[in-house]
Amino acid sequence: MSASTLGGCRAALAIAVRYAHTRTISGPVAGRRVPLAAHRSHHARLLERVATAYAMTFLHREVTDHWITHTPTDRPAAERLVALAKGWITWQAREIVTESRERCGARALFPVNGLAEYPAIADGAITAEGDNLAIWCKAAADMIFGHTLAPEPPPATGRESLTDPAFLRRGITAAERHWHAGAQSDLRSGEADDALGRWNNASASALNLAEAYIIGQAADAFATAITRTTTAGTRAALTDLYVLFLLDQVDSRSGLLLAEGALTRDHVRVLPRTRHLLITRLAPHLPALTDAFSVPQEHLSSLPMLTAP
């Protein structure tokens, strides 16, 4: 389920990015037309989704390798990892295909243009082979006391760079640790003879723990993939994309991370500017990043909205 949905979201992004560079609209100067991709409001959203798709791809490969090589004693942890990866990948895929469809406008609502059916496919994968929420609840419950508490990261000093992947990764670790400790406390605070009540009390924190953990695994898989890159230019672009993925995750948790001391107030203030500069640097690479998904040219050429004026 996760593999098919991942392939679908990569194809959707390839279509949306191709459309963004072939579809032209009226520009700020009379008589001059510009591609959709010239607008930051358009390409920034696609870049953020591409960064997530790369993280999903690398996570899927790592989880598949882990499942193939796991030992009988490691099976419960391997099953938990597969469940969390399936849930996160398919949920993210639904967001990506929806964004891709929206960025192509009304034409993408017609099935002939290749995007209209993708959201329904993603919905099916979310439910098939174990509904995502159900399998995440089981995995999260197992993690409360069956998973090692993440180490406490050092407090932020304000001197750290928001483009340092190691620093941003520590932020995800801080979030995982916070929700893990919270889930343990919430579970213990319930009535001893009310198992369902105790779980209901802890479930929100436990699900946040599961999410932070699998995002951390995706980040680590992304970092590992970069170390295998031999071309300097490719490594630089992938590193920027990796930082963008991490920034999105840290930004969405900035309030918690500020409270936990993993970010400073100055870090929070400069987050938008850091992301702005990073997207500016990545924008010229957007076509190459989606070309790397290797969506067959025959498929792209068969879509009317990519070939008709």
Protein backbone atom coordinates (compact mmCIF):
# COMPACT_ATOMS: atom_id res chain seq x y z
CA MET A 1 0.00 0.00 0.00
CA SER A 2 2.70 2.47 0.95
CA ALA A 3 4.80 1.67 -2.13
CA SER A 4 1.93 2.15 -4.58
CA THR A 5 0.80 5.36 -2.92
CA LEU A 6 4.35 6.66 -2.82
CA GLY A 7 4.68 6.01 -6.54
CA GLY A 8 1.43 7.84 -7.15
CA CYS A 9 2.45 10.94 -5.25
CA ARG A 10 5.79 11.07 -7.04
CA ALA A 11 3.99 10.87 -10.39
CA ALA A 12 1.56 13.57 -9.25
CA LEU A 13 4.43 15.87 -8.34
CA ALA A 14 6.17 15.23 -11.65
CA ILE A 15 2.97 16.20 -13.47
CA ALA A 16 2.40 19.30 -11.33
CA VAL A 17 5.97 20.54 -11.74
CA ARG A 18 5.92 19.93 -15.50
CA TYR A 19 2.63 21.84 -15.70
CA ALA A 20 4.06 24.70 -13.62
CA HIS A 21 6.84 25.18 -16.15
CA THR A 22 4.75 24.77 -19.32
CA ARG A 23 1.60 26.68 -18.37
CA THR A 24 2.03 30.42 -18.82
CA ILE A 25 -0.09 33.24 -17.45
CA SER A 26 -0.14 37.02 -17.77
CA GLY A 27 2.88 38.62 -16.16
CA PRO A 28 3.33 41.95 -14.37
CA VAL A 29 4.37 43.62 -17.65
CA ALA A 30 1.68 44.07 -20.29
CA GLY A 31 2.02 41.64 -23.17
CA ARG A 32 4.46 39.39 -21.34
CA ARG A 33 3.58 35.91 -20.11
CA VAL A 34 5.40 33.97 -17.42
CA PRO A 35 5.24 30.33 -16.33
CA LEU A 36 3.30 29.45 -13.20
CA ALA A 37 6.57 28.31 -11.67
CA ALA A 38 7.84 31.89 -11.72
CA HIS A 39 5.51 32.67 -8.82
CA ARG A 40 6.93 31.88 -5.42
CA SER A 41 3.45 31.18 -4.08
CA HIS A 42 3.29 28.34 -6.61
CA HIS A 43 6.75 26.78 -6.58
CA ALA A 44 7.31 27.05 -2.81
CA ARG A 45 4.38 24.77 -2.06
CA LEU A 46 5.58 22.24 -4.62
CA LEU A 47 9.12 22.31 -3.24
CA GLU A 48 7.88 21.58 0.27
CA ARG A 49 5.91 18.61 -1.04
CA VAL A 50 8.89 17.39 -3.05
CA ALA A 51 11.04 17.49 0.09
CA THR A 52 8.47 15.35 1.88
CA ALA A 53 8.27 12.93 -1.06
CA TYR A 54 12.03 12.42 -0.96
CA ALA A 55 11.86 11.74 2.78
CA MET A 56 9.03 9.26 2.16
CA THR A 57 11.04 7.53 -0.56
CA PHE A 58 14.16 7.11 1.55
CA LEU A 59 12.13 5.98 4.57
CA HIS A 60 10.33 3.36 2.50
CA ARG A 61 13.62 1.96 1.24
CA GLU A 62 15.13 1.80 4.72
CA VAL A 63 12.05 0.17 6.23
CA THR A 64 11.88 -2.37 3.42
CA ASP A 65 15.54 -3.27 3.93
CA HIS A 66 14.99 -3.54 7.69
CA TRP A 67 12.01 -5.84 7.22
CA ILE A 68 13.92 -8.10 4.83
CA THR A 69 16.86 -8.45 7.23
CA HIS A 70 15.10 -8.47 10.62
CA THR A 71 15.57 -11.39 13.00
CA PRO A 72 12.81 -13.28 14.85
CA THR A 73 13.68 -11.51 18.10
CA ASP A 74 13.40 -8.15 16.34
CA ARG A 75 10.06 -8.91 14.71
CA PRO A 76 7.78 -6.88 17.05
CA ALA A 77 9.87 -3.74 16.54
CA ALA A 78 10.05 -4.39 12.79
CA GLU A 79 6.27 -4.79 12.57
CA ARG A 80 5.81 -1.56 14.50
CA LEU A 81 8.17 0.28 12.17
CA VAL A 82 6.32 -1.01 9.10
CA ALA A 83 2.97 0.07 10.57
CA LEU A 84 4.21 3.56 11.38
CA ALA A 85 5.84 3.95 7.97
CA LYS A 86 2.70 2.77 6.17
CA GLY A 87 0.58 5.26 8.05
CA TRP A 88 2.86 8.24 7.64
CA ILE A 89 3.63 7.61 3.97
CA THR A 90 0.01 7.15 2.93
CA TRP A 91 -1.23 10.14 4.93
CA GLN A 92 1.49 12.33 3.44
CA ALA A 93 0.76 10.97 -0.04
CA ARG A 94 -2.86 12.09 0.23
CA GLU A 95 -1.74 15.63 1.07
CA ILE A 96 0.76 15.62 -1.79
CA VAL A 97 -1.63 14.41 -4.49
CA THR A 98 -4.25 16.92 -3.32
CA GLU A 99 -1.71 19.75 -3.50
CA SER A 100 -0.53 18.59 -6.91
CA ARG A 101 -4.07 18.52 -8.25
CA GLU A 102 -4.79 22.00 -6.90
CA ARG A 103 -1.63 23.46 -8.42
CA CYS A 104 -2.81 22.32 -11.86
CA GLY A 105 -6.19 24.04 -11.62
CA ALA A 106 -9.45 22.89 -13.16
CA ARG A 107 -7.78 20.87 -15.92
CA ALA A 108 -6.56 18.38 -13.34
CA LEU A 109 -10.16 17.53 -12.44
CA PHE A 110 -10.51 15.72 -15.76
CA PRO A 111 -9.34 12.08 -15.49
CA VAL A 112 -7.64 12.31 -18.88
CA ASN A 113 -5.00 14.57 -17.31
CA GLY A 114 -3.84 11.91 -14.89
CA LEU A 115 -4.47 13.43 -11.45
CA ALA A 116 -8.18 13.24 -10.69
CA GLU A 117 -8.15 9.66 -9.39
CA TYR A 118 -5.05 9.90 -7.19
CA PRO A 119 -6.77 11.21 -4.01
CA ALA A 120 -9.22 8.30 -4.02
CA ILE A 121 -6.34 5.87 -4.48
CA ALA A 122 -4.55 7.39 -1.51
CA ASP A 123 -7.74 7.16 0.56
CA GLY A 124 -7.95 3.48 -0.26
CA ALA A 125 -4.37 2.86 0.82
CA ILE A 126 -4.95 4.68 4.10
CA THR A 127 -7.70 2.19 4.96
CA ALA A 128 -6.40 -0.99 3.29
CA GLU A 129 -4.21 -3.54 5.08
CA GLY A 130 -5.03 -1.97 8.42
CA ASP A 131 -6.64 1.44 8.86
CA ASN A 132 -3.90 3.93 9.61
CA LEU A 133 -5.31 5.18 12.88
CA ALA A 134 -5.91 1.66 14.16
CA ILE A 135 -2.41 0.41 13.40
CA TRP A 136 -0.88 3.63 14.73
CA CYS A 137 -2.81 3.25 17.99
CA LYS A 138 -1.43 -0.26 18.44
CA ALA A 139 2.11 0.84 17.60
CA ALA A 140 1.86 3.91 19.83
CA ALA A 141 0.56 1.85 22.75
CA ASP A 142 3.48 -0.56 22.36
CA MET A 143 5.93 2.33 22.29
CA ILE A 144 4.87 3.88 25.60
CA PHE A 145 6.90 1.40 27.63
CA GLY A 146 8.33 -0.80 24.88
CA HIS A 147 10.47 1.87 23.24
CA THR A 148 13.58 3.50 24.69
CA LEU A 149 13.13 7.11 25.74
CA ALA A 150 15.09 9.36 23.36
CA PRO A 151 18.11 11.10 24.90
CA GLU A 152 17.56 14.66 26.07
CA PRO A 153 19.17 17.06 23.57
CA PRO A 154 21.31 19.91 24.90
CA PRO A 155 19.42 23.19 25.31
CA ALA A 156 19.68 25.63 22.42
CA THR A 157 22.03 28.56 22.96
CA GLY A 158 20.91 30.72 20.04
CA ARG A 159 24.24 30.30 18.26
CA GLU A 160 23.06 27.28 16.30
CA SER A 161 22.26 27.65 12.61
CA LEU A 162 18.78 26.80 11.36
CA THR A 163 20.41 25.31 8.27
CA ASP A 164 22.38 22.81 10.36
CA PRO A 165 20.67 19.44 9.82
CA ALA A 166 22.05 18.01 13.07
CA PHE A 167 20.55 20.85 15.09
CA LEU A 168 17.17 20.52 13.38
CA ARG A 169 17.21 16.76 13.87
CA ARG A 170 17.73 17.30 17.60
CA GLY A 171 14.53 19.31 17.57
CA ILE A 172 12.59 16.28 16.35
CA THR A 173 14.27 14.20 19.05
CA ALA A 174 13.19 16.74 21.66
CA ALA A 175 9.58 16.48 20.45
CA GLU A 176 9.71 12.68 20.54
CA ARG A 177 11.08 12.72 24.09
CA HIS A 178 8.46 15.21 25.25
CA TRP A 179 5.54 13.17 23.95
CA HIS A 180 7.03 9.89 25.16
CA ALA A 181 7.40 11.17 28.72
CA GLY A 182 3.93 12.70 28.48
CA ALA A 183 2.37 9.44 27.33
CA GLN A 184 3.99 7.52 30.19
CA SER A 185 2.77 10.08 32.71
CA ASP A 186 -0.72 10.17 31.22
CA LEU A 187 -1.01 6.39 31.31
CA ARG A 188 0.14 6.17 34.92
CA SER A 189 -2.25 8.89 36.05
CA GLY A 190 -5.36 6.90 35.13
CA GLU A 191 -7.31 4.54 37.34
CA ALA A 192 -5.50 1.23 37.78
CA ASP A 193 -8.64 -0.82 37.12
CA ASP A 194 -9.69 1.13 34.02
CA ALA A 195 -7.45 0.05 31.15
CA LEU A 196 -9.53 1.79 28.49
CA GLY A 197 -9.67 4.99 30.50
CA ARG A 198 -5.90 4.96 30.97
CA TRP A 199 -5.36 4.47 27.24
CA ASN A 200 -7.83 7.20 26.38
CA ASN A 201 -5.93 9.48 28.74
CA ALA A 202 -2.60 8.68 27.07
CA SER A 203 -3.61 8.15 23.44
CA ALA A 204 -3.10 11.74 22.22
CA SER A 205 0.44 11.93 23.59
CA ALA A 206 1.20 8.41 22.37
CA LEU A 207 0.10 9.20 18.82
CA ASN A 208 2.22 12.35 18.85
CA LEU A 209 5.13 10.20 20.02
CA ALA A 210 4.56 7.81 17.12
CA GLU A 211 4.47 10.67 14.63
CA ALA A 212 7.64 12.31 15.95
CA TYR A 213 9.45 8.97 15.95
CA ILE A 214 8.62 8.02 12.35
CA ILE A 215 9.45 11.54 11.13
CA GLY A 216 12.81 11.15 12.84
CA GLN A 217 13.30 7.84 11.05
CA ALA A 218 12.46 9.50 7.73
CA ALA A 219 14.98 12.24 8.48
CA ASP A 220 17.67 9.69 9.29
CA ALA A 221 16.94 7.78 6.07
CA PHE A 222 17.24 11.05 4.13
CA ALA A 223 20.60 11.79 5.77
CA THR A 224 21.87 8.29 4.97
CA ALA A 225 20.88 8.66 1.32
CA ILE A 226 22.84 11.92 1.08
CA THR A 227 26.02 10.20 2.31
CA ARG A 228 25.76 7.81 -0.65
CA THR A 229 25.69 10.66 -3.17
CA THR A 230 28.96 11.06 -5.07
CA THR A 231 28.29 14.20 -7.15
CA ALA A 232 28.96 17.48 -5.35
CA GLY A 233 26.12 19.38 -7.02
CA THR A 234 23.61 16.64 -6.33
CA ARG A 235 24.74 16.39 -2.73
CA ALA A 236 24.34 20.15 -2.24
CA ALA A 237 20.81 20.17 -3.68
CA LEU A 238 19.75 17.14 -1.65
CA THR A 239 21.19 18.64 1.51
CA ASP A 240 19.18 21.82 0.95
CA LEU A 241 16.07 19.71 0.32
CA TYR A 242 16.77 17.74 3.51
CA VAL A 243 17.08 20.96 5.49
CA LEU A 244 13.79 22.17 4.01
CA PHE A 245 12.09 18.97 5.15
CA LEU A 246 13.53 19.37 8.65
CA LEU A 247 12.61 23.06 8.79
CA ASP A 248 8.99 22.24 7.98
CA GLN A 249 8.90 19.71 10.81
CA VAL A 250 10.58 22.03 13.30
CA ASP A 251 8.43 24.99 12.28
CA SER A 252 5.21 23.06 12.89
CA ARG A 253 6.47 22.24 16.40
CA SER A 254 8.17 25.55 17.16
CA GLY A 255 5.95 26.38 20.13
CA LEU A 256 6.69 23.07 21.83
CA LEU A 257 10.39 23.25 20.99
CA LEU A 258 10.63 26.78 22.35
CA ALA A 259 8.99 25.65 25.58
CA GLU A 260 11.34 22.65 25.77
CA GLY A 261 14.43 24.80 25.21
CA ALA A 262 15.25 23.13 21.89
CA LEU A 263 14.80 26.48 20.11
CA THR A 264 15.37 30.05 21.25
CA ARG A 265 13.12 33.02 20.59
CA ASP A 266 15.59 34.26 17.98
CA HIS A 267 15.42 30.90 16.21
CA VAL A 268 11.64 31.13 16.02
CA ARG A 269 11.82 34.69 14.70
CA VAL A 270 14.20 33.82 11.85
CA LEU A 271 12.50 30.57 10.80
CA PRO A 272 10.42 32.23 8.03
CA ARG A 273 13.43 34.07 6.61
CA THR A 274 15.57 30.93 6.67
CA ARG A 275 12.91 29.01 4.78
CA HIS A 276 12.53 31.89 2.30
CA LEU A 277 16.25 31.85 1.44
CA LEU A 278 16.32 28.07 1.18
CA ILE A 279 13.37 27.96 -1.22
CA THR A 280 15.00 30.67 -3.34
CA ARG A 281 18.11 28.52 -3.63
CA LEU A 282 16.15 25.35 -4.41
CA ALA A 283 13.67 26.78 -6.91
CA PRO A 284 15.92 26.39 -10.00
CA HIS A 285 16.38 22.70 -9.13
CA LEU A 286 12.67 21.87 -8.93
CA PRO A 287 12.40 20.31 -12.43
CA ALA A 288 15.52 18.20 -11.89
CA LEU A 289 14.30 17.03 -8.49
CA THR A 290 11.08 15.68 -9.98
CA ASP A 291 12.77 14.38 -13.15
CA ALA A 292 14.69 12.13 -10.76
CA PHE A 293 11.42 10.37 -9.95
CA SER A 294 11.79 8.75 -13.40
CA VAL A 295 8.14 9.02 -14.36
CA PRO A 296 8.05 7.66 -17.94
CA GLN A 297 8.11 10.38 -20.57
CA GLU A 298 5.49 8.41 -22.50
CA HIS A 299 3.05 8.94 -19.63
CA LEU A 300 3.74 12.65 -19.29
CA SER A 301 3.45 13.15 -23.05
CA SER A 302 0.06 11.46 -23.07
CA LEU A 303 -1.53 14.05 -20.75
CA PRO A 304 -3.35 16.79 -22.72
CA MET A 305 -2.75 19.53 -20.17
CA LEU A 306 1.02 19.05 -20.54
CA THR A 307 0.97 19.16 -24.33
CA ALA A 308 -1.97 21.38 -25.34
CA PRO A 309 -1.59 25.18 -25.14
